[in-house]
C-alpha cells in the first residue's frame, strides 16, 4: 500500500482543471509506491518563477525531505509527471535507508518511474529526460524494469541509461 496524500489549499484554490482528475491520478500513482506507505505526501502548487533565485521554473518538482510534490496549476499534469515526482520521494526514502540509488539523477528517476507505471496511462509520446522511444508504449515499463535489473547486476556505472535508451529505441 502506498502513501496517503493531501492537497494544499494553495493548489486547490488555483487549479484551472478538474481537481477530481488530479485526485484520480494521485490515487493510482500512490498505489505504485509502497516504500512511501504509512506516510502522507503533500501536493502543492509549483513555485513561481524566480522563487528559488533561478530563472528556471520546472513544470513540476519534488521536495523529498518534506515529502512535497509541486504541480502546475495551469494545466493538469500527465500521469508520467505525477508518477515521476512521487518517484523522487520514494528514491529518496530508499536511499535514506541504505539503498545505493542516484537520488539526483533525473534519467534514473524517469526509468524508475516508467518501470512502475501501468502502460495504459502512458499518454505522452516521450519519457522525460530520456527522449521519444520508438518501442511500443506497452513495452516501455518492461524495458525500464530490464534497465533497472541491468543496473542491479552490473553496477551503477554500467551504462544502464544508455542501454535503456537503446532498448526503447530512443535515437
Foldseek 3Di string as FASTA:
>chain_A
DFAAEDEDPQQVVQAPDDVVVVVVLLVVLRVLQRLRYPHYAYEYAFDDQCPVPDRDGDQKAEDQVRNYIHHHRHDRDASLNSLLRVLLNSQVSVVVVPDPDDSPDSLLSQLVSLLRDQLVRPPDQAGPPQGGFPDDSNCSNVLSVVLVVCCVVPHPPPCSSVVSSVVRRGD
